[in-house]
Amino acid sequence: MQVSIACTEQNLRSRSSEDRLCGPRSGPGGGNGGPAGRGHGNPPAGGGSGPKAQAALVPRPPAPSGALRESTGRSTGMKYRNLGKSGLRVSCLGLGTWVTFGSQISDETAEDVLTVAYEHGINLFDTAEVYAAGNAERTLGNILKSKGWRRSSYVITTKIFWGGQAETERGLSRKHIIEGLQGSLERLQLGYVDIVFANRSDPNSPMEEIVRAMTYVINQGLALYWGTSRWGAAEIMEAYSMARQFNLIPPVCEQAEHHLFQREKVEMQLPELYHKIGVGSVTWSPLACGLITSKYAGQVPDTCRATIKGCQWLKDKVQREDGKKQQAKIMDLLPIAHQLGCTVAQLAIAWCLHSEGVSSVLLGVSSAEQLIEHLGALQVLSQLTPQTVMKIYGLLGNKPHSKK
């Protein structure tokens, strides 16, 4: 125990109070605020000590049980939360690039969207090696390089699994995790990503190999954290147990689909993991790929995502019987939205933010105007009283229940 305390105090003294409170500072020489090295931003090393270092030893009052510590940006109104129980602070709304960047929208529109997001306090930008066959990462990387924003001021996440046609270019083998992430960094023109996600579980790769590979890329400075995406609760717990058994680095969050009609995992399974092992939730598709907007009432508009090449599945979903029932429930939510002075989309996003253990909700937009509208969900969040939430539960009629 004496050794453990001594090591902890030494680690605290080795970092200045500014580094601990404000995060790592970028060094000179690298592009986009990063030190010289790979791309525009390698993870800078902490250093130095000062008389204020001992301030970190003063205990802070504990946060309420189950609550994510939240703060609000003074100039933007954006809310920030811890990523799970890690120390990383992320905006409660993030920007995703699936379907849009490098595909559905032009690079100019993508730059407008990213600029509006950053200026409104969004600091979490998510992509994947598979999005638009790598073009989403290229587009995001080009924009970040041209903007010259400080690398320390935003969080980049990417996902690894589907990287190419060869057998060794997909999955979660040690080979593909390392090579896939290196490929992503080249396309992003970055020295590191903040979080690398395993973009589904892989029955062909042993869990120990996956956790060791993720630990390796973090120790090599290619990523700062790792997480899972579309993993089951048992698989996440196995990865955590494996990390603890072999003194490796466990995942910090799960990325999961969550919206008014997809609820059980985020609302019933992940909160338990958050309380037990500190795994947070980054959720995606809060509008169910645009279904929760009331624009699909009785028809499929020509300008919607369901008409895009490769999205026939979405059109089929809208036109199926269960899709029609969901549209009817969305129309039932309109009076609540009108009462709160918001759109159904804003209400749906705020409802996702209201869920326990959710660190950030990823938005997918095709224009800056659409993003600004979705940001209005932040004002709706404060209006979601327990009575309003229960009324929404009653209209949906699909509240998940514990199977214990």
Protein backbone atom coordinates (compact mmCIF):
# COMPACT_ATOMS: atom_id res chain seq x y z
CA MET A 1 0.00 0.00 0.00
CA GLN A 2 2.89 2.39 0.80
CA VAL A 3 4.36 1.79 -2.66
CA SER A 4 1.00 2.48 -4.32
CA ILE A 5 0.51 5.79 -2.46
CA ALA A 6 4.08 6.89 -3.14
CA CYS A 7 3.70 6.19 -6.85
CA THR A 8 0.43 8.09 -7.00
CA GLU A 9 1.88 11.15 -5.26
CA GLN A 10 4.94 11.08 -7.50
CA ASN A 11 2.72 10.94 -10.61
CA LEU A 12 0.70 13.89 -9.36
CA ARG A 13 3.82 15.93 -8.62
CA SER A 14 5.20 15.18 -12.09
CA ARG A 15 2.37 17.08 -13.76
CA SER A 16 1.60 20.73 -13.26
CA SER A 17 -1.83 21.78 -12.05
CA GLU A 18 -2.48 23.45 -15.41
CA ASP A 19 -1.89 20.16 -17.23
CA ARG A 20 -4.28 18.33 -14.93
CA LEU A 21 -7.06 20.88 -15.09
CA CYS A 22 -6.76 22.03 -18.70
CA GLY A 23 -5.48 18.91 -20.42
CA PRO A 24 -2.24 18.35 -22.34
CA ARG A 25 -0.66 21.37 -24.01
CA SER A 26 0.56 21.19 -27.57
CA GLY A 27 4.22 21.68 -28.29
CA PRO A 28 5.84 23.75 -30.99
CA GLY A 29 6.68 22.54 -34.46
CA GLY A 30 3.67 20.45 -35.48
CA GLY A 31 0.80 21.50 -37.66
CA ASN A 32 -2.60 22.29 -36.16
CA GLY A 33 -1.15 22.96 -32.74
CA GLY A 34 0.61 19.62 -32.28
CA PRO A 35 4.29 18.88 -31.77
CA ALA A 36 6.55 17.86 -34.61
CA GLY A 37 5.92 14.30 -35.69
CA ARG A 38 3.13 12.34 -37.33
CA GLY A 39 0.50 14.49 -39.02
CA HIS A 40 -0.85 17.57 -37.31
CA GLY A 41 -0.85 16.57 -33.68
CA ASN A 42 0.87 13.88 -31.65
CA PRO A 43 -0.23 13.39 -28.05
CA PRO A 44 1.97 15.82 -26.10
CA ALA A 45 3.71 14.60 -23.00
CA GLY A 46 2.97 16.20 -19.65
CA GLY A 47 5.86 17.68 -17.73
CA GLY A 48 7.06 20.16 -15.21
CA SER A 49 6.03 20.70 -11.64
CA GLY A 50 5.01 23.65 -9.58
CA PRO A 51 3.90 24.75 -6.15
CA LYS A 52 0.24 24.40 -7.13
CA ALA A 53 0.57 20.69 -7.87
CA GLN A 54 -0.49 19.70 -4.37
CA ALA A 55 -3.91 21.28 -5.02
CA ALA A 56 -4.90 18.13 -6.88
CA LEU A 57 -4.66 16.17 -3.62
CA VAL A 58 -7.57 18.09 -2.12
CA PRO A 59 -10.59 15.77 -2.37
CA ARG A 60 -13.57 16.97 -4.37
CA PRO A 61 -17.13 16.42 -3.17
CA PRO A 62 -18.53 13.32 -4.87
CA ALA A 63 -21.01 13.70 -7.69
CA PRO A 64 -24.54 12.46 -7.05
CA SER A 65 -24.81 8.71 -7.47
CA GLY A 66 -25.35 7.78 -11.10
CA ALA A 67 -24.98 11.36 -12.35
CA LEU A 68 -22.64 12.49 -15.08
CA ARG A 69 -20.85 15.66 -14.00
CA GLU A 70 -22.03 18.31 -16.41
CA SER A 71 -20.79 21.81 -17.16
CA THR A 72 -21.93 24.42 -19.66
CA GLY A 73 -19.74 26.40 -22.04
CA ARG A 74 -19.98 30.08 -21.19
CA SER A 75 -19.89 31.35 -24.76
CA THR A 76 -21.73 28.53 -26.58
CA GLY A 77 -24.19 27.02 -24.10
CA MET A 78 -22.90 23.55 -25.02
CA LYS A 79 -22.97 21.04 -22.18
CA TYR A 80 -19.96 18.84 -21.43
CA ARG A 81 -19.86 15.49 -19.68
CA ASN A 82 -17.22 12.95 -18.71
CA LEU A 83 -16.81 10.08 -21.14
CA GLY A 84 -18.06 7.36 -18.84
CA LYS A 85 -15.97 7.54 -15.68
CA SER A 86 -12.83 8.59 -17.53
CA GLY A 87 -11.47 12.11 -17.21
CA LEU A 88 -12.13 12.99 -20.86
CA ARG A 89 -14.70 15.80 -21.24
CA VAL A 90 -16.84 15.60 -24.36
CA SER A 91 -19.68 17.74 -25.65
CA CYS A 92 -23.03 16.11 -24.97
CA LEU A 93 -23.76 16.48 -28.68
CA GLY A 94 -21.18 15.16 -31.14
CA LEU A 95 -20.95 15.18 -34.92
CA GLY A 96 -20.96 11.94 -36.89
CA THR A 97 -19.79 11.52 -40.49
CA TRP A 98 -21.58 8.33 -41.52
CA VAL A 99 -23.34 8.64 -44.94
CA THR A 100 -22.63 12.38 -45.15
CA PHE A 101 -18.87 13.15 -45.27
CA GLY A 102 -17.17 12.00 -48.45
CA SER A 103 -20.47 10.77 -49.87
CA GLN A 104 -23.86 12.46 -49.51
CA ILE A 105 -22.65 16.05 -49.12
CA SER A 106 -19.93 18.05 -50.85
CA ASP A 107 -16.63 18.83 -49.16
CA GLU A 108 -17.66 22.51 -48.99
CA THR A 109 -20.87 21.62 -47.15
CA ALA A 110 -18.94 19.29 -44.87
CA GLU A 111 -16.61 22.16 -43.97
CA ASP A 112 -19.58 24.43 -43.23
CA VAL A 113 -21.11 21.77 -40.98
CA LEU A 114 -17.86 21.10 -39.11
CA THR A 115 -17.21 24.82 -38.66
CA VAL A 116 -20.69 25.48 -37.24
CA ALA A 117 -20.32 22.48 -34.94
CA TYR A 118 -16.96 23.64 -33.58
CA GLU A 119 -18.10 27.25 -33.16
CA HIS A 120 -21.15 26.07 -31.20
CA GLY A 121 -19.03 24.09 -28.75
CA ILE A 122 -19.14 20.58 -30.23
CA ASN A 123 -15.75 19.00 -29.59
CA LEU A 124 -16.47 15.36 -30.49
CA PHE A 125 -16.15 14.29 -34.14
CA ASP A 126 -16.75 10.65 -35.04
CA THR A 127 -15.80 8.71 -38.16
CA ALA A 128 -14.73 5.19 -39.22
CA GLU A 129 -12.40 3.50 -41.66
CA VAL A 130 -15.38 2.01 -43.49
CA TYR A 131 -17.33 5.26 -43.98
CA ALA A 132 -17.41 6.07 -47.72
CA ALA A 133 -14.53 3.60 -48.16
CA GLY A 134 -12.19 5.88 -46.22
CA ASN A 135 -13.29 9.12 -47.89
CA ALA A 136 -15.09 10.31 -44.74
CA GLU A 137 -11.79 10.22 -42.86
CA ARG A 138 -10.01 11.98 -45.73
CA THR A 139 -12.61 14.75 -45.84
CA LEU A 140 -12.54 15.22 -42.08
CA GLY A 141 -8.74 15.27 -42.04
CA ASN A 142 -8.52 17.82 -44.86
CA ILE A 143 -10.95 20.15 -43.09
CA LEU A 144 -9.17 19.90 -39.75
CA LYS A 145 -5.84 20.61 -41.41
CA SER A 146 -7.20 23.67 -43.24
CA LYS A 147 -8.88 25.06 -40.12
CA GLY A 148 -5.79 24.95 -37.96
CA TRP A 149 -7.74 24.48 -34.75
CA ARG A 150 -5.67 23.47 -31.71
CA ARG A 151 -5.44 19.68 -31.65
CA SER A 152 -6.02 19.76 -27.91
CA SER A 153 -9.40 21.48 -28.38
CA TYR A 154 -11.29 18.62 -30.03
CA VAL A 155 -11.80 14.87 -29.77
CA ILE A 156 -11.51 12.59 -32.81
CA THR A 157 -12.86 9.06 -32.76
CA THR A 158 -12.64 6.41 -35.45
CA LYS A 159 -13.74 2.82 -35.69
CA ILE A 160 -11.86 -0.25 -36.88
CA PHE A 161 -13.25 -3.45 -38.36
CA TRP A 162 -14.02 -3.19 -42.10
CA GLY A 163 -10.91 -1.85 -43.77
CA GLY A 164 -10.65 -3.56 -47.15
CA GLN A 165 -11.43 -6.59 -49.28
CA ALA A 166 -8.55 -8.81 -48.18
CA GLU A 167 -9.16 -11.28 -45.38
CA THR A 168 -6.50 -9.58 -43.26
CA GLU A 169 -8.03 -6.11 -43.81
CA ARG A 170 -11.08 -6.68 -41.65
CA GLY A 171 -11.84 -7.93 -38.19
CA LEU A 172 -10.16 -7.29 -34.85
CA SER A 173 -6.93 -9.22 -35.18
CA ARG A 174 -3.86 -7.55 -33.74
CA LYS A 175 -2.67 -7.07 -37.32
CA HIS A 176 -5.75 -5.22 -38.49
CA ILE A 177 -6.23 -3.14 -35.33
CA ILE A 178 -2.69 -1.79 -35.68
CA GLU A 179 -2.57 -1.47 -39.47
CA GLY A 180 -6.17 -0.29 -39.72
CA LEU A 181 -5.57 2.48 -37.21
CA GLN A 182 -2.37 3.50 -38.96
CA GLY A 183 -4.34 3.76 -42.20
CA SER A 184 -6.98 5.89 -40.51
CA LEU A 185 -4.32 8.24 -39.13
CA GLU A 186 -2.85 8.67 -42.60
CA ARG A 187 -6.25 9.57 -44.05
CA LEU A 188 -7.03 11.88 -41.13
CA GLN A 189 -3.53 13.42 -41.30
CA LEU A 190 -3.32 13.10 -37.53
CA GLY A 191 -0.69 11.76 -35.21
CA TYR A 192 -3.27 10.13 -32.96
CA VAL A 193 -7.00 9.72 -32.41
CA ASP A 194 -8.51 10.31 -29.01
CA ILE A 195 -10.63 7.16 -29.09
CA VAL A 196 -10.41 4.09 -31.32
CA PHE A 197 -13.51 1.90 -31.35
CA ALA A 198 -13.79 -1.78 -32.16
CA ASN A 199 -16.63 -1.44 -34.67
CA ARG A 200 -18.45 -4.65 -33.66
CA SER A 201 -17.29 -7.79 -31.88
CA ASP A 202 -15.22 -10.38 -33.72
CA PRO A 203 -15.80 -14.06 -32.92
CA ASN A 204 -12.68 -14.94 -34.93
CA SER A 205 -10.32 -12.97 -32.67
CA PRO A 206 -9.62 -13.97 -29.07
CA MET A 207 -10.62 -11.32 -26.56
CA GLU A 208 -7.15 -11.26 -25.04
CA GLU A 209 -5.65 -10.48 -28.46
CA ILE A 210 -8.11 -7.60 -28.97
CA VAL A 211 -7.45 -6.05 -25.55
CA ARG A 212 -3.68 -6.45 -25.91
CA ALA A 213 -3.75 -4.83 -29.36
CA MET A 214 -5.83 -1.90 -28.09
CA THR A 215 -3.46 -1.49 -25.16
CA TYR A 216 -0.53 -1.54 -27.59
CA VAL A 217 -1.87 1.25 -29.85
CA ILE A 218 -2.53 3.37 -26.78
CA ASN A 219 0.95 2.75 -25.37
CA GLN A 220 2.41 3.62 -28.78
CA GLY A 221 0.60 6.96 -28.76
CA LEU A 222 -1.67 6.13 -31.71
CA ALA A 223 -4.79 6.51 -29.54
CA LEU A 224 -5.55 7.82 -26.06
CA TYR A 225 -8.54 5.61 -25.19
CA TRP A 226 -10.39 2.70 -26.72
CA GLY A 227 -14.01 1.71 -26.77
CA THR A 228 -16.47 -0.73 -28.27
CA SER A 229 -19.25 -0.28 -30.78
CA ARG A 230 -22.29 -2.55 -31.06
CA TRP A 231 -20.88 -4.99 -28.52
CA GLY A 232 -23.04 -6.94 -26.12
CA ALA A 233 -22.87 -6.23 -22.40
CA ALA A 234 -21.29 -9.63 -21.73
CA GLU A 235 -18.58 -8.98 -24.33
CA ILE A 236 -17.77 -5.58 -22.82
CA MET A 237 -17.53 -7.14 -19.38
CA GLU A 238 -15.25 -9.86 -20.75
CA ALA A 239 -12.93 -7.23 -22.25
CA TYR A 240 -12.88 -5.36 -18.95
CA SER A 241 -12.13 -8.53 -16.98
CA MET A 242 -9.37 -9.47 -19.42
CA ALA A 243 -7.79 -6.04 -19.02
CA ARG A 244 -7.87 -6.26 -15.23
CA GLN A 245 -6.51 -9.81 -15.23
CA PHE A 246 -3.46 -8.99 -17.35
CA ASN A 247 -2.92 -5.36 -16.28
CA LEU A 248 -4.07 -4.02 -19.66
CA ILE A 249 -6.22 -1.02 -20.58
CA PRO A 250 -10.01 -1.57 -20.49
CA PRO A 251 -12.56 0.10 -22.79
CA VAL A 252 -14.03 3.40 -21.59
CA CYS A 253 -17.28 3.52 -23.56
CA GLU A 254 -19.67 1.70 -25.85
CA GLN A 255 -21.11 3.28 -28.98
CA ALA A 256 -24.69 2.13 -29.44
CA GLU A 257 -27.81 2.93 -31.43
CA HIS A 258 -30.41 4.68 -29.31
CA HIS A 259 -33.66 6.44 -30.15
CA LEU A 260 -37.35 6.41 -29.24
CA PHE A 261 -37.82 2.97 -30.82
CA GLN A 262 -34.46 1.38 -29.90
CA ARG A 263 -34.16 1.52 -26.13
CA GLU A 264 -33.32 -1.67 -24.24
CA LYS A 265 -29.54 -1.76 -24.53
CA VAL A 266 -28.82 1.88 -23.64
CA GLU A 267 -31.50 2.15 -20.97
CA MET A 268 -31.30 -1.28 -19.33
CA GLN A 269 -27.89 -2.86 -19.99
CA LEU A 270 -25.36 -0.03 -20.27
CA PRO A 271 -26.29 1.86 -17.08
CA GLU A 272 -25.35 -1.25 -15.10
CA LEU A 273 -21.96 -1.35 -16.84
CA TYR A 274 -21.52 2.36 -16.15
CA HIS A 275 -22.05 1.86 -12.42
CA LYS A 276 -20.01 -1.34 -12.19
CA ILE A 277 -16.98 -0.66 -14.41
CA GLY A 278 -17.32 2.97 -15.53
CA VAL A 279 -18.13 2.32 -19.21
CA GLY A 280 -20.01 5.26 -20.68
CA SER A 281 -22.31 5.48 -23.69
CA VAL A 282 -21.88 7.40 -26.92
CA THR A 283 -25.11 6.95 -28.84
CA TRP A 284 -25.92 7.35 -32.51
CA SER A 285 -28.97 7.69 -34.76
CA PRO A 286 -31.14 9.66 -32.29
CA LEU A 287 -33.62 10.27 -35.14
CA ALA A 288 -33.55 6.68 -36.42
CA CYS A 289 -31.87 7.73 -39.68
CA GLY A 290 -34.36 10.57 -40.09
CA LEU A 291 -37.53 8.59 -39.38
CA ILE A 292 -38.25 10.58 -36.21
CA THR A 293 -38.89 13.92 -37.89
CA SER A 294 -42.56 13.68 -38.95
CA LYS A 295 -41.49 14.23 -42.58
CA TYR A 296 -42.25 10.59 -43.45
CA ALA A 297 -45.92 10.82 -42.47
CA GLY A 298 -47.72 8.83 -45.13
CA GLN A 299 -45.00 9.15 -47.78
CA VAL A 300 -41.27 9.07 -48.57
CA PRO A 301 -40.12 12.55 -49.70
CA ASP A 302 -37.84 12.69 -52.75
CA THR A 303 -35.15 14.63 -50.87
CA CYS A 304 -34.85 12.39 -47.80
CA ARG A 305 -32.10 9.92 -46.92
CA ALA A 306 -34.34 6.95 -47.76
CA THR A 307 -34.05 7.81 -51.46
CA ILE A 308 -30.23 7.83 -51.50
CA LYS A 309 -28.48 5.02 -53.33
CA GLY A 310 -27.71 2.21 -50.90
CA CYS A 311 -30.47 3.23 -48.46
CA GLN A 312 -33.28 1.13 -49.91
CA TRP A 313 -33.42 -0.67 -46.57
CA LEU A 314 -34.50 2.58 -44.95
CA LYS A 315 -37.27 3.14 -47.48
CA ASP A 316 -38.47 -0.43 -46.94
CA LYS A 317 -38.46 0.14 -43.19
CA VAL A 318 -40.65 3.22 -43.51
CA GLN A 319 -43.16 1.40 -45.69
CA ARG A 320 -43.45 -1.73 -43.53
CA GLU A 321 -46.31 -2.08 -41.08
CA ASP A 322 -44.13 -1.49 -38.01
CA GLY A 323 -42.69 1.61 -39.69
CA LYS A 324 -46.18 2.99 -40.22
CA LYS A 325 -47.02 2.34 -36.56
CA GLN A 326 -43.89 4.23 -35.52
CA GLN A 327 -44.86 7.15 -37.73
CA ALA A 328 -48.25 7.24 -36.02
CA LYS A 329 -46.56 7.45 -32.61
CA ILE A 330 -44.32 10.26 -33.85
CA MET A 331 -47.43 12.20 -34.82
CA ASP A 332 -48.76 11.58 -31.30
CA LEU A 333 -45.64 13.34 -29.95
CA LEU A 334 -46.35 16.52 -31.92
CA PRO A 335 -48.59 18.08 -29.21
CA ILE A 336 -45.82 17.61 -26.62
CA ALA A 337 -43.29 19.17 -28.98
CA HIS A 338 -45.61 22.11 -29.66
CA GLN A 339 -46.17 22.57 -25.92
CA LEU A 340 -42.39 22.75 -25.38
CA GLY A 341 -41.95 25.05 -28.38
CA CYS A 342 -39.72 22.65 -30.31
CA THR A 343 -39.73 20.22 -33.22
CA VAL A 344 -40.18 16.47 -32.85
CA ALA A 345 -36.52 16.05 -33.85
CA GLN A 346 -35.35 18.38 -31.07
CA LEU A 347 -37.56 16.56 -28.58
CA ALA A 348 -36.19 13.18 -29.65
CA ILE A 349 -32.56 14.32 -29.32
CA ALA A 350 -33.20 15.87 -25.90
CA TRP A 351 -34.87 12.66 -24.79
CA CYS A 352 -31.73 10.70 -25.76
CA LEU A 353 -29.55 13.15 -23.80
CA HIS A 354 -31.81 12.61 -20.79
CA SER A 355 -30.96 8.91 -20.56
CA GLU A 356 -28.75 7.74 -17.69
CA GLY A 357 -25.07 7.18 -18.43
CA VAL A 358 -25.13 8.78 -21.90
CA SER A 359 -21.99 10.87 -22.37
CA SER A 360 -22.71 12.15 -25.87
CA VAL A 361 -25.27 11.81 -28.67
CA LEU A 362 -23.88 11.81 -32.21
CA LEU A 363 -25.75 13.88 -34.79
CA GLY A 364 -25.76 13.15 -38.50
CA VAL A 365 -26.68 16.18 -40.62
CA SER A 366 -26.50 17.16 -44.27
CA SER A 367 -26.38 20.93 -43.82
CA ALA A 368 -25.31 23.60 -41.36
CA GLU A 369 -28.92 24.74 -41.04
CA GLN A 370 -30.01 21.25 -40.00
CA LEU A 371 -27.24 21.14 -37.40
CA ILE A 372 -28.30 24.48 -35.92
CA GLU A 373 -31.86 23.19 -35.63
CA HIS A 374 -30.69 20.03 -33.85
CA LEU A 375 -28.59 22.09 -31.43
CA GLY A 376 -31.87 23.52 -30.18
CA ALA A 377 -32.33 20.23 -28.32
CA LEU A 378 -30.08 21.64 -25.60
CA GLN A 379 -32.80 24.12 -24.63
CA VAL A 380 -35.43 21.38 -24.67
CA LEU A 381 -33.39 19.17 -22.32
CA SER A 382 -33.97 21.49 -19.36
CA GLN A 383 -37.73 21.30 -19.98
CA LEU A 384 -37.95 17.52 -19.78
CA THR A 385 -39.60 17.25 -16.39
CA PRO A 386 -40.39 13.81 -14.93
CA GLN A 387 -44.04 14.41 -15.83
CA THR A 388 -43.16 15.12 -19.48
CA VAL A 389 -40.91 12.07 -19.68
CA MET A 390 -43.63 9.84 -18.25
CA LYS A 391 -46.09 11.25 -20.77
CA ILE A 392 -43.69 10.34 -23.59
CA TYR A 393 -43.28 6.85 -22.12
CA GLY A 394 -47.04 6.44 -22.13
CA LEU A 395 -47.40 7.49 -25.76
CA LEU A 396 -44.58 5.23 -26.93
CA GLY A 397 -45.69 2.22 -24.91
CA ASN A 398 -42.29 0.56 -25.29
CA LYS A 399 -40.43 1.24 -22.06
CA PRO A 400 -38.00 -1.66 -21.55
CA HIS A 401 -38.17 -3.58 -18.29
CA SER A 402 -35.53 -5.49 -16.40
CA LYS A 403 -35.48 -9.23 -17.10
CA LYS A 404 -34.14 -10.02 -13.63
